[in-house]
Amino acid sequence: MLPIDPAHAHCQALEQAVAAFRQTHAPQISAWGEELAEVLRDGGRLLAAGNGGSAAQAQHLTAELVGRYQGERPAYSAIALHADTSAVTAIGNDYGFAELYARQVAAHGRRGDVLMLLSTSGRSENLLTAALAGRRAGLRVWALTGPGPNPLAAAADDALCVTAATTATVQEVHLVAVHLLCEAFDAAGALAADLLAATTPLPAADGEVRVPAAEHNGPPELSPER
């Protein structure tokens, strides 16, 4: 038996990092989810990028949005920029690795879209150039990184920096963050759908439109004179 059980030490570090994340960043990730729901519901798009394990996290996030997280809901536009292998290899070959994501941001991003950049170090050059390209194009740039301060957090409009001692633990907390983002996204979407249903006029059998009772703001109906 090893003097220190690696599995126990790993789980203990993860528990501490998740507890710190919950205490410090839970409101921030919820706010991101609510804002993202508004952007995508209005026809905007999420672009996401990372390297290595962070690329996998980016693709995990976009899959949850295009498909679904838990409950049934409409599909939304979300693209993981590393997943188009032909574009990635062409850009890397012709322009260099540093431009890998920036050129795709320039191609796919529109003013008002969201660009999510994931990095355990916060120092990847291709993500820094992507952040600058996104801000130039009018995208909202979010960074999900390891310990701050770091260059990517500084280059983004908003950043969530995970405090942990190892890359593995940072990546695991990033997965928690992705799921919490999806939780907030779905909750905001469900609330918007409920509000819309409550304020949408209802068709009646006679073809007239009936305003829901809670929204009827006209003068009170008078009883007929007897």
Foldseek 3Di string as FASTA:
>chain_A
DDPDDVVVVVVVLLVVLLVVCCVPPLVVLLVLLLLQLVLQVVPAAEEEEEPDLRLVLQVVLQCCQQANQPDDDHHTHYYSQVPPPVLQVVCCVPPNNLCSQLVVCLVPPAAAHEYEYEEAQQADNNLLSNLVSCVVRNHQYEYEYEDDDHNNCVSHPHYDYGYGDDSVSSSVVSNVSSSSSSVSNVVSVVVVVVVCVQQDFDQDPVRDTHGHPVPDPDDDDDDDDD
